[in-house]
C-alpha atoms as a PDB file:
ATOM      1  CA  UNK A   1     -25.088 -13.005  -9.735  1.00  0.00           C
ATOM      2  CA  UNK A   2     -23.064 -11.985 -12.723  1.00  0.00           C
ATOM      3  CA  UNK A   3     -25.991 -11.566 -14.817  1.00  0.00           C
ATOM      4  CA  UNK A   4     -26.089  -7.969 -14.951  1.00  0.00           C
ATOM      5  CA  UNK A   5     -22.149  -7.565 -14.917  1.00  0.00           C
ATOM      6  CA  UNK A   6     -22.452  -6.993 -19.132  1.00  0.00           C
ATOM      7  CA  UNK A   7     -19.741  -8.497 -21.177  1.00  0.00           C
ATOM      8  CA  UNK A   8     -17.303  -8.062 -18.904  1.00  0.00           C
ATOM      9  CA  UNK A   9     -18.950 -10.513 -16.699  1.00  0.00           C
ATOM     10  CA  UNK A  10     -20.059 -12.764 -19.731  1.00  0.00           C
ATOM     11  CA  UNK A  11     -16.306 -13.967 -20.575  1.00  0.00           C
ATOM     12  CA  UNK A  12     -15.494 -13.798 -16.736  1.00  0.00           C
ATOM     13  CA  UNK A  13     -18.123 -16.871 -16.554  1.00  0.00           C
ATOM     14  CA  UNK A  14     -16.667 -18.150 -19.530  1.00  0.00           C
ATOM     15  CA  UNK A  15     -13.260 -18.394 -18.424  1.00  0.00           C
ATOM     16  CA  UNK A  16     -14.796 -19.879 -15.349  1.00  0.00           C
ATOM     17  CA  UNK A  17     -14.580 -17.017 -12.556  1.00  0.00           C
ATOM     18  CA  UNK A  18     -16.465 -17.301  -9.662  1.00  0.00           C
ATOM     19  CA  UNK A  19     -19.165 -15.199  -8.072  1.00  0.00           C
ATOM     20  CA  UNK A  20     -19.608 -14.264  -4.776  1.00  0.00           C
ATOM     21  CA  UNK A  21     -21.513 -11.712  -2.885  1.00  0.00           C
ATOM     22  CA  UNK A  22     -19.344  -9.785   0.375  1.00  0.00           C
ATOM     23  CA  UNK A  23     -21.425  -8.050   2.855  1.00  0.00           C
ATOM     24  CA  UNK A  24     -19.487  -4.877   4.767  1.00  0.00           C
ATOM     25  CA  UNK A  25     -19.073  -5.313   8.553  1.00  0.00           C
ATOM     26  CA  UNK A  26     -17.074  -1.933   9.568  1.00  0.00           C
ATOM     27  CA  UNK A  27     -15.457   1.075   8.042  1.00  0.00           C
ATOM     28  CA  UNK A  28     -12.439   3.004   8.747  1.00  0.00           C
ATOM     29  CA  UNK A  29     -10.564   5.699   7.424  1.00  0.00           C
ATOM     30  CA  UNK A  30      -6.583   5.303   8.037  1.00  0.00           C
ATOM     31  CA  UNK A  31      -6.057   8.550   6.369  1.00  0.00           C
ATOM     32  CA  UNK A  32      -8.103  11.264   4.761  1.00  0.00           C
ATOM     33  CA  UNK A  33      -7.189   9.663   1.428  1.00  0.00           C
ATOM     34  CA  UNK A  34      -6.974   5.969   2.730  1.00  0.00           C
ATOM     35  CA  UNK A  35      -9.857   4.152   3.824  1.00  0.00           C
ATOM     36  CA  UNK A  36      -9.907   0.089   5.180  1.00  0.00           C
ATOM     37  CA  UNK A  37     -13.553  -2.213   4.816  1.00  0.00           C
ATOM     38  CA  UNK A  38     -14.284  -5.240   7.062  1.00  0.00           C
ATOM     39  CA  UNK A  39     -16.007  -7.512   4.890  1.00  0.00           C
ATOM     40  CA  UNK A  40     -17.544 -11.519   5.204  1.00  0.00           C
ATOM     41  CA  UNK A  41     -16.728 -13.370   2.453  1.00  0.00           C
ATOM     42  CA  UNK A  42     -19.683 -14.752   0.966  1.00  0.00           C
ATOM     43  CA  UNK A  43     -18.236 -18.046   1.710  1.00  0.00           C
ATOM     44  CA  UNK A  44     -15.395 -17.238  -1.387  1.00  0.00           C
ATOM     45  CA  UNK A  45     -11.741 -18.712   0.980  1.00  0.00           C
ATOM     46  CA  UNK A  46     -13.583 -21.674   1.596  1.00  0.00           C
ATOM     47  CA  UNK A  47     -14.306 -22.166  -1.905  1.00  0.00           C
ATOM     48  CA  UNK A  48     -10.841 -20.870  -3.549  1.00  0.00           C
ATOM     49  CA  UNK A  49      -8.201 -20.803  -0.586  1.00  0.00           C
ATOM     50  CA  UNK A  50      -5.939 -18.296  -0.015  1.00  0.00           C
ATOM     51  CA  UNK A  51      -2.788 -17.159  -1.334  1.00  0.00           C
ATOM     52  CA  UNK A  52      -0.307 -14.033  -1.188  1.00  0.00           C
ATOM     53  CA  UNK A  53      -1.455 -11.169  -3.087  1.00  0.00           C
ATOM     54  CA  UNK A  54      -4.891 -12.716  -3.590  1.00  0.00           C
ATOM     55  CA  UNK A  55      -7.435 -10.095  -5.912  1.00  0.00           C
ATOM     56  CA  UNK A  56     -10.615  -9.864  -6.655  1.00  0.00           C
ATOM     57  CA  UNK A  57     -12.542  -8.549  -9.006  1.00  0.00           C
ATOM     58  CA  UNK A  58     -15.302  -6.042  -7.349  1.00  0.00           C
ATOM     59  CA  UNK A  59     -18.444  -4.778  -9.142  1.00  0.00           C
ATOM     60  CA  UNK A  60     -19.233  -1.302  -9.250  1.00  0.00           C
ATOM     61  CA  UNK A  61     -22.519   0.786 -10.653  1.00  0.00           C
ATOM     62  CA  UNK A  62     -21.011   3.497 -12.892  1.00  0.00           C
ATOM     63  CA  UNK A  63     -23.730   5.719 -13.865  1.00  0.00           C
ATOM     64  CA  UNK A  64     -25.720   2.978 -14.883  1.00  0.00           C
ATOM     65  CA  UNK A  65     -23.112   0.555 -16.528  1.00  0.00           C
ATOM     66  CA  UNK A  66     -21.559  -2.774 -14.296  1.00  0.00           C
ATOM     67  CA  UNK A  67     -17.597  -1.392 -13.670  1.00  0.00           C
ATOM     68  CA  UNK A  68     -15.030  -3.724 -12.309  1.00  0.00           C
ATOM     69  CA  UNK A  69     -12.297  -2.856 -10.525  1.00  0.00           C
ATOM     70  CA  UNK A  70      -9.450  -5.438  -8.737  1.00  0.00           C
ATOM     71  CA  UNK A  71      -8.396  -5.112  -4.949  1.00  0.00           C
ATOM     72  CA  UNK A  72      -5.959  -7.463  -2.761  1.00  0.00           C
ATOM     73  CA  UNK A  73      -7.781  -8.718   0.310  1.00  0.00           C
ATOM     74  CA  UNK A  74      -6.378  -7.450   3.342  1.00  0.00           C
ATOM     75  CA  UNK A  75      -5.557 -10.157   6.166  1.00  0.00           C
ATOM     76  CA  UNK A  76      -7.930 -13.057   4.970  1.00  0.00           C
ATOM     77  CA  UNK A  77      -9.283 -15.517   7.632  1.00  0.00           C
ATOM     78  CA  UNK A  78     -10.392 -18.594   5.814  1.00  0.00           C
ATOM     79  CA  UNK A  79     -11.426 -19.855   8.745  1.00  0.00           C
ATOM     80  CA  UNK A  80     -13.585 -16.531  10.050  1.00  0.00           C
ATOM     81  CA  UNK A  81     -14.720 -15.910   6.738  1.00  0.00           C
ATOM     82  CA  UNK A  82     -13.397 -12.414   6.701  1.00  0.00           C
ATOM     83  CA  UNK A  83     -10.963 -10.252   5.255  1.00  0.00           C
ATOM     84  CA  UNK A  84     -10.523  -6.353   4.713  1.00  0.00           C
ATOM     85  CA  UNK A  85      -9.978  -4.287   1.600  1.00  0.00           C
ATOM     86  CA  UNK A  86      -7.717  -0.782   1.459  1.00  0.00           C
ATOM     87  CA  UNK A  87      -8.904   2.008  -0.618  1.00  0.00           C
ATOM     88  CA  UNK A  88      -6.415   4.685  -2.221  1.00  0.00           C
ATOM     89  CA  UNK A  89      -9.280   7.198  -2.731  1.00  0.00           C
ATOM     90  CA  UNK A  90      -9.942   9.453  -5.638  1.00  0.00           C
ATOM     91  CA  UNK A  91     -12.167  10.570  -8.284  1.00  0.00           C
ATOM     92  CA  UNK A  92     -14.622   7.096  -9.255  1.00  0.00           C
ATOM     93  CA  UNK A  93     -17.177   5.295  -8.708  1.00  0.00           C
ATOM     94  CA  UNK A  94     -15.341   2.805  -6.473  1.00  0.00           C
ATOM     95  CA  UNK A  95     -14.545   5.617  -4.397  1.00  0.00           C
ATOM     96  CA  UNK A  96     -17.443   7.018  -3.937  1.00  0.00           C
ATOM     97  CA  UNK A  97     -18.944   3.288  -2.996  1.00  0.00           C
ATOM     98  CA  UNK A  98     -15.693   3.039  -0.433  1.00  0.00           C
ATOM     99  CA  UNK A  99     -16.260   6.660   0.784  1.00  0.00           C
ATOM    100  CA  UNK A 100     -20.171   5.363   1.860  1.00  0.00           C
ATOM    101  CA  UNK A 101     -20.243   2.083   2.190  1.00  0.00           C
ATOM    102  CA  UNK A 102     -21.871   1.080   5.879  1.00  0.00           C
ATOM    103  CA  UNK A 103     -22.171  -2.323   7.976  1.00  0.00           C
ATOM    104  CA  UNK A 104     -24.618  -4.303   6.310  1.00  0.00           C
ATOM    105  CA  UNK A 105     -23.731  -3.107   2.522  1.00  0.00           C
ATOM    106  CA  UNK A 106     -23.509  -6.036   0.155  1.00  0.00           C
ATOM    107  CA  UNK A 107     -21.346  -5.965  -3.134  1.00  0.00           C
ATOM    108  CA  UNK A 108     -20.701  -8.404  -5.906  1.00  0.00           C
ATOM    109  CA  UNK A 109     -17.196 -10.182  -6.425  1.00  0.00           C
ATOM    110  CA  UNK A 110     -15.525 -12.395  -9.534  1.00  0.00           C
ATOM    111  CA  UNK A 111     -12.666 -14.102  -8.873  1.00  0.00           C
ATOM    112  CA  UNK A 112     -10.722 -15.037 -11.673  1.00  0.00           C
ATOM    113  CA  UNK A 113      -7.039 -14.312 -12.401  1.00  0.00           C
ATOM    114  CA  UNK A 114      -5.796 -13.841  -9.237  1.00  0.00           C
ATOM    115  CA  UNK A 115      -2.156 -16.218  -8.847  1.00  0.00           C
ATOM    116  CA  UNK A 116       1.033 -16.065  -7.033  1.00  0.00           C
ATOM    117  CA  UNK A 117       4.219 -18.140  -7.211  1.00  0.00           C
ATOM    118  CA  UNK A 118       6.809 -17.712  -5.234  1.00  0.00           C
ATOM    119  CA  UNK A 119      10.014 -17.302  -6.505  1.00  0.00           C
ATOM    120  CA  UNK A 120      12.701 -20.450  -5.781  1.00  0.00           C
ATOM    121  CA  UNK A 121      15.077 -20.055  -4.563  1.00  0.00           C
ATOM    122  CA  UNK A 122      13.606 -17.262  -1.972  1.00  0.00           C
ATOM    123  CA  UNK A 123      15.022 -13.950  -1.792  1.00  0.00           C
ATOM    124  CA  UNK A 124      16.766 -12.364   1.127  1.00  0.00           C
ATOM    125  CA  UNK A 125      16.414  -8.905  -0.449  1.00  0.00           C
ATOM    126  CA  UNK A 126      12.969  -7.634  -1.963  1.00  0.00           C
ATOM    127  CA  UNK A 127      13.383  -4.575  -4.434  1.00  0.00           C
ATOM    128  CA  UNK A 128       9.800  -3.530  -4.592  1.00  0.00           C
ATOM    129  CA  UNK A 129       8.388  -0.708  -6.734  1.00  0.00           C
ATOM    130  CA  UNK A 130       4.869   0.646  -5.296  1.00  0.00           C
ATOM    131  CA  UNK A 131       2.268   3.140  -4.401  1.00  0.00           C
ATOM    132  CA  UNK A 132      -1.035   3.270  -2.431  1.00  0.00           C
ATOM    133  CA  UNK A 133      -3.200   1.345  -4.915  1.00  0.00           C
ATOM    134  CA  UNK A 134      -0.840  -1.496  -4.558  1.00  0.00           C
ATOM    135  CA  UNK A 135       0.078  -1.246  -1.182  1.00  0.00           C
ATOM    136  CA  UNK A 136      -2.414  -4.324   0.442  1.00  0.00           C
ATOM    137  CA  UNK A 137      -0.655  -6.469  -2.160  1.00  0.00           C
ATOM    138  CA  UNK A 138       2.845  -5.182  -0.929  1.00  0.00           C
ATOM    139  CA  UNK A 139       2.058  -6.032   2.534  1.00  0.00           C
ATOM    140  CA  UNK A 140       1.403  -9.566   2.284  1.00  0.00           C
ATOM    141  CA  UNK A 141       4.529  -9.676  -0.548  1.00  0.00           C
ATOM    142  CA  UNK A 142       6.324  -8.782   3.111  1.00  0.00           C
ATOM    143  CA  UNK A 143       4.425 -10.864   5.061  1.00  0.00           C
ATOM    144  CA  UNK A 144       4.625 -13.992   3.328  1.00  0.00           C
ATOM    145  CA  UNK A 145       7.745 -13.905   1.965  1.00  0.00           C
ATOM    146  CA  UNK A 146       9.614 -12.039   5.307  1.00  0.00           C
ATOM    147  CA  UNK A 147      12.714 -11.022   3.609  1.00  0.00           C
ATOM    148  CA  UNK A 148      15.710 -10.284   5.579  1.00  0.00           C
ATOM    149  CA  UNK A 149      16.063  -6.905   3.804  1.00  0.00           C
ATOM    150  CA  UNK A 150      14.043  -4.805   1.029  1.00  0.00           C
ATOM    151  CA  UNK A 151      14.705  -2.140  -0.793  1.00  0.00           C
ATOM    152  CA  UNK A 152      10.655  -0.048  -1.451  1.00  0.00           C
ATOM    153  CA  UNK A 153      10.337   2.611  -4.127  1.00  0.00           C
ATOM    154  CA  UNK A 154       6.603   4.259  -3.167  1.00  0.00           C
ATOM    155  CA  UNK A 155       4.933   6.727  -5.267  1.00  0.00           C
ATOM    156  CA  UNK A 156       2.433   8.926  -3.594  1.00  0.00           C
ATOM    157  CA  UNK A 157       0.325  12.231  -4.408  1.00  0.00           C
ATOM    158  CA  UNK A 158       0.422  12.441  -0.111  1.00  0.00           C
ATOM    159  CA  UNK A 159       2.470  12.290   2.442  1.00  0.00           C
ATOM    160  CA  UNK A 160       2.982   8.367   3.712  1.00  0.00           C
ATOM    161  CA  UNK A 161       2.429   9.086   7.151  1.00  0.00           C
ATOM    162  CA  UNK A 162      -0.561   7.223   8.486  1.00  0.00           C
ATOM    163  CA  UNK A 163      -0.297   4.785   5.449  1.00  0.00           C
ATOM    164  CA  UNK A 164      -0.568   0.874   6.977  1.00  0.00           C
ATOM    165  CA  UNK A 165       2.796  -0.196   5.173  1.00  0.00           C
ATOM    166  CA  UNK A 166       4.122  -3.428   7.091  1.00  0.00           C
ATOM    167  CA  UNK A 167       8.022  -2.251   6.450  1.00  0.00           C
ATOM    168  CA  UNK A 168      10.615  -2.512   9.282  1.00  0.00           C
ATOM    169  CA  UNK A 169      12.952   0.159   9.466  1.00  0.00           C
ATOM    170  CA  UNK A 170      15.768  -1.406  10.647  1.00  0.00           C
ATOM    171  CA  UNK A 171      15.521  -3.524   7.117  1.00  0.00           C
ATOM    172  CA  UNK A 172      13.771  -2.110   4.678  1.00  0.00           C
ATOM    173  CA  UNK A 173      15.011   1.094   3.127  1.00  0.00           C
ATOM    174  CA  UNK A 174      11.761   2.840   1.865  1.00  0.00           C
ATOM    175  CA  UNK A 175      12.278   5.178  -0.729  1.00  0.00           C
ATOM    176  CA  UNK A 176       9.369   7.669  -0.683  1.00  0.00           C
ATOM    177  CA  UNK A 177       9.117   9.533  -3.926  1.00  0.00           C
ATOM    178  CA  UNK A 178       6.236  12.160  -5.142  1.00  0.00           C
ATOM    179  CA  UNK A 179       4.581  11.596  -8.176  1.00  0.00           C
ATOM    180  CA  UNK A 180       5.335  14.196 -11.212  1.00  0.00           C
ATOM    181  CA  UNK A 181       5.086  13.634 -14.549  1.00  0.00           C
ATOM    182  CA  UNK A 182       2.569  10.874 -14.947  1.00  0.00           C
ATOM    183  CA  UNK A 183       5.433   8.505 -13.428  1.00  0.00           C
ATOM    184  CA  UNK A 184       8.464   9.786 -15.380  1.00  0.00           C
ATOM    185  CA  UNK A 185      10.072  11.060 -12.024  1.00  0.00           C
ATOM    186  CA  UNK A 186       9.694   7.166  -9.762  1.00  0.00           C
ATOM    187  CA  UNK A 187      10.986   5.841 -13.639  1.00  0.00           C
ATOM    188  CA  UNK A 188      14.046   8.064 -13.149  1.00  0.00           C
ATOM    189  CA  UNK A 189      14.662   7.501  -9.824  1.00  0.00           C
ATOM    190  CA  UNK A 190      14.534   3.189 -10.240  1.00  0.00           C
ATOM    191  CA  UNK A 191      16.695   3.354 -13.182  1.00  0.00           C
ATOM    192  CA  UNK A 192      19.116   5.315 -11.381  1.00  0.00           C
ATOM    193  CA  UNK A 193      19.411   3.680  -7.701  1.00  0.00           C
ATOM    194  CA  UNK A 194      18.564  -0.105  -9.202  1.00  0.00           C
ATOM    195  CA  UNK A 195      21.440  -1.034 -11.084  1.00  0.00           C
ATOM    196  CA  UNK A 196      24.511  -0.401  -8.231  1.00  0.00           C
ATOM    197  CA  UNK A 197      21.570  -2.066  -5.533  1.00  0.00           C
ATOM    198  CA  UNK A 198      21.127  -5.238  -7.967  1.00  0.00           C
ATOM    199  CA  UNK A 199      24.813  -6.326  -7.590  1.00  0.00           C
ATOM    200  CA  UNK A 200      24.938  -6.329  -3.236  1.00  0.00           C
ATOM    201  CA  UNK A 201      22.809  -8.788  -3.741  1.00  0.00           C
ATOM    202  CA  UNK A 202      22.768 -12.549  -4.814  1.00  0.00           C
ATOM    203  CA  UNK A 203      19.113 -14.067  -6.802  1.00  0.00           C
ATOM    204  CA  UNK A 204      17.943 -10.447  -6.722  1.00  0.00           C
ATOM    205  CA  UNK A 205      13.275 -10.600  -7.132  1.00  0.00           C
ATOM    206  CA  UNK A 206      12.326  -7.511  -8.397  1.00  0.00           C
ATOM    207  CA  UNK A 207       8.222  -6.719  -7.804  1.00  0.00           C
ATOM    208  CA  UNK A 208       6.353  -3.664  -9.739  1.00  0.00           C
ATOM    209  CA  UNK A 209       3.220  -3.170  -9.062  1.00  0.00           C
ATOM    210  CA  UNK A 210       2.476   0.539 -10.056  1.00  0.00           C
ATOM    211  CA  UNK A 211       0.432   2.464 -12.805  1.00  0.00           C
ATOM    212  CA  UNK A 212       0.450   0.465 -16.391  1.00  0.00           C
ATOM    213  CA  UNK A 213       2.518   2.431 -17.897  1.00  0.00           C
ATOM    214  CA  UNK A 214       4.958   2.713 -14.817  1.00  0.00           C
ATOM    215  CA  UNK A 215       4.876  -0.619 -14.765  1.00  0.00           C
ATOM    216  CA  UNK A 216       5.574  -1.888 -18.332  1.00  0.00           C
ATOM    217  CA  UNK A 217       8.277   0.742 -18.982  1.00  0.00           C
ATOM    218  CA  UNK A 218      10.423  -0.731 -15.643  1.00  0.00           C
ATOM    219  CA  UNK A 219       9.775  -3.992 -16.525  1.00  0.00           C
ATOM    220  CA  UNK A 220      11.219  -3.697 -19.899  1.00  0.00           C
ATOM    221  CA  UNK A 221      13.758  -1.784 -18.317  1.00  0.00           C
ATOM    222  CA  UNK A 222      14.912  -4.867 -15.768  1.00  0.00           C
ATOM    223  CA  UNK A 223      14.672  -7.377 -17.939  1.00  0.00           C
ATOM    224  CA  UNK A 224      15.749  -6.621 -21.098  1.00  0.00           C
ATOM    225  CA  UNK A 225      18.533  -3.858 -20.309  1.00  0.00           C
ATOM    226  CA  UNK A 226      19.558  -5.343 -16.739  1.00  0.00           C
ATOM    227  CA  UNK A 227      18.911  -9.395 -18.038  1.00  0.00           C
ATOM    228  CA  UNK A 228      16.820 -10.192 -14.776  1.00  0.00           C
ATOM    229  CA  UNK A 229      15.772 -13.499 -16.215  1.00  0.00           C
ATOM    230  CA  UNK A 230      11.590 -13.566 -16.101  1.00  0.00           C
ATOM    231  CA  UNK A 231      11.462 -15.565 -12.911  1.00  0.00           C
ATOM    232  CA  UNK A 232      12.865 -13.038 -10.966  1.00  0.00           C
ATOM    233  CA  UNK A 233      10.355  -9.693 -12.165  1.00  0.00           C
ATOM    234  CA  UNK A 234       6.906 -10.362 -11.011  1.00  0.00           C
ATOM    235  CA  UNK A 235       4.782  -7.031 -12.043  1.00  0.00           C
ATOM    236  CA  UNK A 236       1.291  -6.155 -12.845  1.00  0.00           C
ATOM    237  CA  UNK A 237      -0.205  -2.744 -13.545  1.00  0.00           C
ATOM    238  CA  UNK A 238      -3.077  -1.789 -11.326  1.00  0.00           C
ATOM    239  CA  UNK A 239      -4.174   1.492 -12.484  1.00  0.00           C
ATOM    240  CA  UNK A 240      -4.406   2.958 -15.944  1.00  0.00           C
ATOM    241  CA  UNK A 241      -3.596   7.064 -15.942  1.00  0.00           C
ATOM    242  CA  UNK A 242      -6.199   9.252 -17.407  1.00  0.00           C
END
């Protein structure tokens, strides 16, 4: 395994990435644009352990060339050796594979680069900026940190109805936004809302996980203009706009 993954696979092996093969055991369409797969882990969880927002790199065939994409584990169970993966469906080889995946299908994966540092002190309020691609990670974060309250800006091309967002309306302020102007609409809205909200909470924690350009823009704004310390901000670009 890993030998046919090209230069990316070679780099991950040099970085001590660990390779595994997952097997699909079931699939369900959560919405017309969002699909969940159930898989066995090929011994991964026993070897690596589990942490919140844990992700793996899956290897797909893209017109005969290896292509890797990262996905967050959903409800990993180390004892059973199982987990789920959720796919925001669009054009591309990863979505094509997810659409057709059926029990018995296998896929290679590499674990390298995933990590989670729990904020200290644990925030009572979480500020999160997310979209369907980072929804599994957001859910994992809400489960692990169980904040007393949260403000969530959620960008999507489609209705949030039916998406498995684990928010509690009584405690979590969900602010859905359409994706407009390549993410600029989301950036403008967060910049408009966030400064006043930060003043209401001690030791705020901001988690940003959208497309790479949006994530970079908002992270710079929060760190430089709002002067939040590095340890109170976590950001990761989950996909790159074409």
